[in-house]
Every structure is written in C-alpha cells, then in structure tokens.
N, C-alpha and C. Protein backbone atom coordinates (compact mmCIF):
# COMPACT_ATOMS: atom_id res chain seq x y z
N UNK A 1 -27.16 -1.42 -4.41
CA UNK A 1 -25.70 -1.43 -3.46
C UNK A 1 -25.24 -0.18 -3.78
N UNK A 2 -24.64 0.55 -2.59
CA UNK A 2 -23.71 1.72 -2.99
C UNK A 2 -22.63 1.43 -2.10
N UNK A 3 -21.29 1.91 -2.83
CA UNK A 3 -19.49 1.89 -2.57
C UNK A 3 -19.34 3.24 -2.35
N UNK A 4 -18.24 3.59 -1.47
CA UNK A 4 -17.87 4.60 -1.63
C UNK A 4 -16.46 4.39 -1.58
N UNK A 5 -15.47 4.45 -2.62
CA UNK A 5 -14.04 4.31 -2.68
C UNK A 5 -13.31 5.54 -2.61
N UNK A 6 -12.49 5.80 -1.68
CA UNK A 6 -11.52 6.81 -1.43
C UNK A 6 -9.98 6.24 -1.56
N UNK A 7 -9.02 7.82 -2.23
CA UNK A 7 -7.92 7.39 -1.81
C UNK A 7 -7.30 8.75 -1.59
N UNK A 8 -6.95 9.07 -0.87
CA UNK A 8 -6.15 10.27 -0.57
C UNK A 8 -7.59 11.42 -0.33
N UNK A 9 -7.41 12.49 -0.91
CA UNK A 9 -9.29 13.24 -0.91
C UNK A 9 -10.07 12.95 -2.03
N UNK A 10 -9.50 12.37 -2.90
CA UNK A 10 -10.46 11.73 -3.92
C UNK A 10 -11.69 10.83 -3.25
N UNK A 11 -12.95 11.21 -3.40
CA UNK A 11 -14.26 9.81 -3.31
C UNK A 11 -14.88 9.96 -4.27
N UNK A 12 -15.08 8.71 -4.37
CA UNK A 12 -16.43 8.36 -5.58
C UNK A 12 -16.92 7.40 -5.39
N UNK A 13 -18.41 8.12 -5.27
CA UNK A 13 -19.15 6.95 -5.40
C UNK A 13 -20.02 6.12 -6.20
N UNK A 14 -20.16 5.29 -6.13
CA UNK A 14 -20.52 4.36 -7.00
C UNK A 14 -21.86 3.17 -6.93
N UNK A 15 -22.86 3.87 -7.47
CA UNK A 15 -24.42 3.09 -6.75
C UNK A 15 -24.52 2.02 -8.45
N UNK A 16 -25.16 0.77 -8.00
CA UNK A 16 -25.04 -0.22 -9.08
C UNK A 16 -26.26 -1.27 -7.98
N UNK A 17 -26.88 -1.62 -8.91
CA UNK A 17 -28.25 -2.55 -7.92
C UNK A 17 -27.68 -4.09 -8.73
N UNK A 18 -27.12 -4.17 -9.38
CA UNK A 18 -26.26 -5.98 -9.92
C UNK A 18 -25.11 -6.11 -9.91
N UNK A 19 -24.41 -7.15 -9.89
CA UNK A 19 -22.60 -7.00 -10.01
C UNK A 19 -22.54 -6.58 -11.06
N UNK A 20 -21.16 -5.63 -11.18
CA UNK A 20 -20.42 -4.82 -11.85
C UNK A 20 -20.13 -5.68 -12.98
N UNK A 21 -20.24 -5.67 -14.55
CA UNK A 21 -19.15 -6.71 -15.50
C UNK A 21 -18.30 -5.66 -15.76
N UNK A 22 -17.13 -5.51 -15.01
CA UNK A 22 -15.72 -4.74 -15.58
C UNK A 22 -15.34 -5.55 -16.01
N UNK A 23 -15.14 -7.06 -15.03
CA UNK A 23 -13.97 -7.83 -15.81
C UNK A 23 -14.40 -8.52 -16.65
N UNK A 24 -15.68 -9.08 -17.41
CA UNK A 24 -15.87 -9.84 -18.37
C UNK A 24 -15.14 -8.98 -19.69
N UNK A 25 -14.47 -10.01 -19.94
CA UNK A 25 -13.35 -9.54 -21.43
C UNK A 25 -14.67 -9.30 -22.44
N UNK A 26 -15.52 -9.98 -22.54
CA UNK A 26 -16.54 -9.96 -23.60
C UNK A 26 -17.24 -8.24 -23.84
N UNK A 27 -16.73 -7.85 -22.83
CA UNK A 27 -17.81 -6.27 -22.95
C UNK A 27 -16.19 -5.60 -23.24
N UNK A 28 -16.73 -4.61 -24.23
CA UNK A 28 -15.70 -3.52 -24.56
C UNK A 28 -15.37 -2.41 -23.67
N UNK A 29 -14.63 -1.97 -24.20
CA UNK A 29 -14.44 -0.47 -23.17
C UNK A 29 -15.12 0.62 -23.35
N UNK A 30 -15.40 0.48 -24.53
CA UNK A 30 -16.68 1.57 -25.03
C UNK A 30 -18.04 1.01 -24.16
N UNK A 31 -18.39 0.05 -23.84
CA UNK A 31 -19.47 -0.88 -23.44
C UNK A 31 -19.63 -0.54 -21.83
N UNK A 32 -18.40 -0.71 -21.38
CA UNK A 32 -17.86 -0.37 -19.86
C UNK A 32 -18.42 0.94 -19.73
N UNK A 33 -17.51 1.86 -20.19
CA UNK A 33 -17.62 3.03 -19.89
C UNK A 33 -18.84 3.95 -19.73
N UNK A 34 -19.74 3.37 -21.07
CA UNK A 34 -21.55 3.71 -20.96
C UNK A 34 -22.21 3.19 -19.93
N UNK A 35 -21.41 2.07 -18.76
CA UNK A 35 -22.21 1.20 -18.39
C UNK A 35 -22.05 1.77 -16.82
N UNK A 36 -20.97 2.76 -16.78
CA UNK A 36 -20.66 3.52 -15.58
C UNK A 36 -21.95 4.47 -15.21
N UNK A 37 -22.32 4.61 -13.77
CA UNK A 37 -23.16 5.82 -13.37
C UNK A 37 -22.34 7.19 -14.03
N UNK A 38 -23.04 7.82 -13.78
CA UNK A 38 -23.00 9.45 -14.89
C UNK A 38 -21.68 10.03 -13.83
N UNK A 39 -22.16 9.84 -12.50
CA UNK A 39 -21.02 10.61 -11.47
C UNK A 39 -20.00 9.83 -12.00
N UNK A 40 -19.42 8.76 -11.78
CA UNK A 40 -18.03 8.00 -11.76
C UNK A 40 -17.68 8.42 -13.29
N UNK A 41 -18.56 8.50 -14.17
CA UNK A 41 -18.05 8.56 -15.52
C UNK A 41 -17.13 10.15 -15.49
N UNK A 42 -17.84 10.74 -15.05
CA UNK A 42 -17.28 12.14 -15.10
C UNK A 42 -16.16 12.44 -14.23
N UNK A 43 -15.63 11.56 -13.17
CA UNK A 43 -14.92 11.56 -12.33
C UNK A 43 -13.72 10.98 -13.20
N UNK A 44 -13.92 9.45 -13.87
CA UNK A 44 -12.84 9.23 -14.43
C UNK A 44 -12.35 10.28 -15.81
N UNK A 45 -13.64 10.77 -16.24
CA UNK A 45 -13.20 12.00 -17.78
C UNK A 45 -11.83 13.02 -16.91
N UNK A 46 -12.72 12.97 -15.62
CA UNK A 46 -11.87 14.42 -14.98
C UNK A 46 -10.20 13.98 -14.78
N UNK A 47 -9.97 12.84 -14.55
CA UNK A 47 -8.98 12.10 -13.93
C UNK A 47 -8.30 11.64 -15.67
N UNK A 48 -8.58 12.44 -16.36
CA UNK A 48 -8.10 11.62 -17.82
C UNK A 48 -8.14 10.68 -18.58
N UNK A 49 -9.22 10.26 -18.38
CA UNK A 49 -10.06 8.75 -18.93
C UNK A 49 -9.47 7.43 -18.19
N UNK A 50 -10.13 6.47 -18.50
CA UNK A 50 -9.62 4.85 -18.89
C UNK A 50 -8.10 4.62 -19.07
N UNK A 51 -8.04 4.60 -20.30
CA UNK A 51 -6.78 4.77 -20.83
C UNK A 51 -5.70 5.61 -19.95
N UNK A 52 -5.51 6.63 -19.29
CA UNK A 52 -4.91 7.44 -18.70
C UNK A 52 -4.94 6.63 -17.40
N UNK A 53 -5.64 6.35 -16.53
CA UNK A 53 -5.65 5.70 -15.29
C UNK A 53 -5.03 4.47 -15.55
N UNK A 54 -5.43 3.57 -16.80
CA UNK A 54 -4.81 2.07 -17.14
C UNK A 54 -2.93 2.60 -17.08
N UNK A 55 -3.19 3.62 -17.98
CA UNK A 55 -1.07 3.49 -17.82
C UNK A 55 -0.79 4.13 -16.74
N UNK A 56 -1.48 4.64 -15.81
CA UNK A 56 -0.61 5.19 -14.78
C UNK A 56 -0.59 4.36 -13.45
N UNK A 57 -0.99 2.65 -13.92
CA UNK A 57 -0.71 1.47 -13.26
C UNK A 57 0.68 1.15 -13.77
N UNK A 58 1.69 0.96 -12.96
CA UNK A 58 2.69 0.43 -13.83
C UNK A 58 2.97 -0.78 -12.54
N UNK A 59 2.97 -2.01 -13.68
CA UNK A 59 3.21 -3.22 -13.02
C UNK A 59 4.60 -3.44 -11.88
N UNK A 60 5.74 -2.63 -12.49
CA UNK A 60 6.90 -2.66 -11.97
C UNK A 60 6.69 -2.00 -10.38
N UNK A 61 5.85 -0.92 -10.61
CA UNK A 61 5.24 0.12 -9.34
C UNK A 61 4.70 -0.83 -8.00
N UNK A 62 3.94 -1.70 -8.98
CA UNK A 62 2.93 -3.03 -8.21
C UNK A 62 3.52 -3.70 -7.09
N UNK A 63 4.59 -4.02 -8.20
CA UNK A 63 5.11 -5.26 -7.28
C UNK A 63 6.06 -4.72 -6.25
N UNK A 64 7.01 -3.75 -6.26
CA UNK A 64 7.56 -2.66 -5.29
C UNK A 64 6.71 -2.53 -3.95
N UNK A 65 5.57 -1.91 -4.59
CA UNK A 65 4.45 -1.55 -3.29
C UNK A 65 3.99 -2.81 -2.84
N UNK A 66 3.74 -3.85 -3.75
CA UNK A 66 3.34 -4.78 -2.92
C UNK A 66 4.44 -5.50 -1.92
N UNK A 67 5.69 -5.25 -2.00
CA UNK A 67 7.32 -6.19 -1.56
C UNK A 67 7.04 -5.16 -0.07
N UNK A 68 7.05 -3.78 -0.06
CA UNK A 68 6.89 -2.68 1.05
C UNK A 68 5.70 -3.34 1.80
N UNK A 69 4.84 -3.70 1.28
CA UNK A 69 3.50 -3.55 2.28
C UNK A 69 3.43 -5.12 2.54
N UNK A 70 4.44 -5.80 2.33
CA UNK A 70 4.63 -7.43 3.11
C UNK A 70 5.67 -7.33 4.08
N UNK A 71 6.16 -6.37 3.57
CA UNK A 71 7.48 -6.09 4.81
C UNK A 71 6.74 -5.37 5.87
N UNK A 72 5.74 -4.29 5.58
CA UNK A 72 5.26 -4.02 6.81
C UNK A 72 4.07 -4.62 7.39
N UNK A 73 3.52 -5.55 6.82
CA UNK A 73 2.37 -5.89 7.40
C UNK A 73 2.88 -7.10 8.79
N UNK A 74 4.19 -7.09 8.98
CA UNK A 74 4.39 -7.64 9.97
C UNK A 74 4.36 -6.94 11.44
N UNK A 75 3.46 -7.16 12.40
CA UNK A 75 3.58 -6.30 13.71
C UNK A 75 5.15 -6.05 14.54
N UNK A 76 5.82 -7.00 14.32
CA UNK A 76 6.86 -6.64 15.18
C UNK A 76 7.88 -6.02 14.44
N UNK A 77 7.68 -5.70 12.93
CA UNK A 77 8.56 -5.18 12.10
C UNK A 77 7.99 -3.24 12.73
N UNK A 78 6.35 -3.26 12.64
CA UNK A 78 6.25 -2.30 12.58
C UNK A 78 6.43 -1.33 14.45
N UNK A 79 6.43 -2.44 15.20
CA UNK A 79 6.38 -1.91 16.49
C UNK A 79 8.16 -1.29 16.39
N UNK A 80 8.99 -2.07 15.62
CA UNK A 80 10.34 -1.23 15.88
C UNK A 80 10.18 -0.24 15.11
N UNK A 81 9.62 -0.17 13.78
CA UNK A 81 9.50 1.58 13.45
C UNK A 81 9.35 2.67 14.47
N UNK A 82 8.08 1.97 14.44
CA UNK A 82 7.40 3.01 15.87
C UNK A 82 8.41 3.15 16.60
N UNK A 83 8.95 2.07 17.38
CA UNK A 83 9.85 2.80 18.74
C UNK A 83 11.62 3.22 18.02
N UNK A 84 11.74 3.07 17.31
CA UNK A 84 12.89 4.05 16.78
C UNK A 84 12.57 5.36 16.15
N UNK A 85 11.24 5.26 15.70
CA UNK A 85 11.04 6.72 15.34
C UNK A 85 10.73 7.92 16.35
N UNK A 86 10.77 7.47 17.72
CA UNK A 86 11.15 8.38 18.62
C UNK A 86 12.44 8.70 18.94
N UNK A 87 13.50 7.93 18.53
CA UNK A 87 14.43 8.36 18.85
C UNK A 87 15.25 6.68 18.59
N UNK A 88 16.84 7.31 18.24
CA UNK A 88 18.08 5.90 17.53
C UNK A 88 17.74 4.73 19.02
N UNK A 89 18.03 3.80 18.50
CA UNK A 89 18.02 3.01 19.86
C UNK A 89 19.00 1.36 19.52
N UNK A 90 19.30 1.29 20.27
CA UNK A 90 20.71 0.43 19.90
C UNK A 90 19.53 -1.25 19.73
N UNK A 91 20.28 -2.30 19.40
CA UNK A 91 19.32 -3.66 19.64
C UNK A 91 19.07 -3.98 21.22
N UNK A 92 20.14 -3.48 21.67
CA UNK A 92 19.85 -4.51 23.43
C UNK A 92 18.34 -3.41 23.78
N UNK A 93 18.40 -2.20 23.34
CA UNK A 93 17.23 -1.70 24.21
C UNK A 93 15.78 -2.39 23.52
N UNK A 94 15.95 -2.49 21.95
CA UNK A 94 14.84 -2.68 21.51
C UNK A 94 14.32 -4.30 21.78
N UNK A 95 15.56 -5.35 22.06
CA UNK A 95 15.50 -6.52 22.66
C UNK A 95 14.76 -6.30 24.18
N UNK A 96 14.77 -5.60 25.04
CA UNK A 96 14.18 -5.26 26.04
C UNK A 96 12.70 -4.93 26.10
N UNK A 97 12.56 -3.96 25.11
CA UNK A 97 11.30 -3.55 24.81
C UNK A 97 10.18 -4.28 24.27
N UNK A 98 10.71 -4.95 23.31
CA UNK A 98 10.00 -5.99 22.68
C UNK A 98 9.82 -7.26 23.39
N UNK A 99 10.86 -7.91 24.18
CA UNK A 99 11.32 -9.03 24.61
C UNK A 99 10.85 -10.54 23.71
N UNK A 100 11.66 -10.09 22.83
CA UNK A 100 12.09 -11.29 21.97
C UNK A 100 13.55 -11.42 21.75
N UNK A 101 13.80 -12.46 21.16
CA UNK A 101 15.06 -12.97 20.90
C UNK A 101 16.14 -12.59 20.49
N UNK A 102 17.65 -12.44 20.34
CA UNK A 102 18.18 -11.95 19.85
C UNK A 102 18.58 -12.21 17.89
N UNK A 103 18.28 -13.22 17.87
CA UNK A 103 17.90 -14.04 16.72
C UNK A 103 16.48 -12.81 15.63
N UNK A 104 15.14 -13.03 16.71
CA UNK A 104 14.53 -12.63 15.75
C UNK A 104 14.55 -11.01 15.57
N UNK A 105 14.83 -10.51 16.66
CA UNK A 105 15.40 -9.25 16.50
C UNK A 105 16.00 -8.80 15.76
N UNK A 106 17.33 -9.31 15.38
CA UNK A 106 18.48 -9.64 14.22
C UNK A 106 17.71 -9.72 12.95
N UNK A 107 16.71 -10.85 12.57
CA UNK A 107 16.33 -11.02 11.42
C UNK A 107 15.34 -9.84 11.01
N UNK A 108 14.36 -9.42 11.97
CA UNK A 108 13.44 -8.35 11.48
C UNK A 108 14.21 -7.00 11.17
N UNK A 109 15.41 -6.62 12.03
CA UNK A 109 16.34 -5.78 11.92
C UNK A 109 16.98 -5.79 10.60
N UNK A 110 17.03 -6.93 10.01
CA UNK A 110 17.78 -6.66 8.68
C UNK A 110 16.78 -6.69 7.50
N UNK A 111 15.54 -7.35 7.79
CA UNK A 111 14.31 -7.13 6.75
C UNK A 111 13.98 -5.73 6.21
N UNK A 112 14.28 -5.08 7.62
CA UNK A 112 13.94 -3.58 7.59
C UNK A 112 15.01 -3.08 7.17
N UNK A 113 16.27 -3.06 7.06
CA UNK A 113 17.55 -2.21 6.56
C UNK A 113 17.61 -2.60 5.24
N UNK A 114 17.33 -3.67 4.63
CA UNK A 114 17.26 -4.36 3.46
C UNK A 114 16.61 -3.43 2.53
N UNK A 115 15.08 -3.13 3.26
CA UNK A 115 13.99 -2.73 2.32
C UNK A 115 14.50 -1.10 2.45
N UNK A 116 15.29 -0.68 2.95
CA UNK A 116 15.84 1.14 3.46
C UNK A 116 14.66 1.32 4.09
N UNK A 117 14.43 1.04 5.24
CA UNK A 117 13.54 1.52 6.28
C UNK A 117 14.20 2.20 7.30
N UNK A 118 15.33 1.39 7.64
CA UNK A 118 15.84 1.47 8.35
C UNK A 118 17.73 1.76 8.51
N UNK A 119 18.42 2.05 9.28
CA UNK A 119 20.02 2.02 8.81
C UNK A 119 20.49 2.33 10.25
N UNK A 120 21.66 1.23 9.83
CA UNK A 120 22.28 1.01 11.17
C UNK A 120 23.60 1.48 11.19
N UNK A 121 23.97 2.08 12.25
CA UNK A 121 25.97 2.82 12.66
C UNK A 121 26.10 2.29 13.47
N UNK A 122 27.63 2.74 13.55
CA UNK A 122 27.94 2.27 14.87
C UNK A 122 28.38 3.79 15.67
N UNK A 123 28.49 3.18 16.97
CA UNK A 123 28.26 5.01 17.75
C UNK A 123 29.58 4.34 18.90
N UNK A 124 30.88 5.20 18.79
CA UNK A 124 31.60 4.80 19.80
C UNK A 124 31.23 5.58 21.10
N UNK A 125 31.49 4.66 22.15
CA UNK A 125 31.06 5.23 23.49
C UNK A 125 32.48 6.03 24.22
C-alpha cells in the first residue's frame, strides 16, 4: 500500500505492506523508528527527530485548533465569512443574501464574533 501525506510543501511518501504498528505501546520508540521506511526516517531526521516532532504538538494548541475548525465546519458561517470578506455588510443584507431568520443569523454572527473571526461596529447614517 502507498500513502502520501502532505502539509504545506512537505510531502512524505510512505510504503508498507501490512498495517503499521506505531500505536502498539509494547513496541519501543527505537523499534518504531527502525520499522520506518528509509525515506520516512530521513524526513523525520531532517525535521529534528521523533522527539522534536512530538514536542511540537502542544495539546492546548490542538484544542484551540479543534475549536476553530468546529466553528468553521458550519456552512452558514463559511458563507457569512466569504460574503463579508468581499465588503462590510450589515446583518440586514446578510439576512436577505442568505435567506435565513434573524435569530439564526444572530446566532452565527455571535459565534464568529466570540471566536474573533468577525467584529461588529455601529455606523451612523
């Protein structure tokens, strides 16, 4: 089996013929590293090794990222963000554009504002 994982510009090709044993707690880190294909081991070494990679994964950042992705996983909120990215809009325009109720729009705008993705301000006519 061949899998290709990429993040940004970094691509790692992984080849294996049986299920990987990485999650087995009985296999030591040294043995896990030895079981990796040479190409993957080289890429991990260039990145600073497994310990360095593991230290870069901070649980509090993972929780914050998960919360942000949860907010962005709603289609209505994505439409709102894309619409106001074009220009500032008042809620009345968003309501007509999206054909949703005041309460639903208010809820989604509040979620986006609390996440710091949008901001509201009053403008005098």
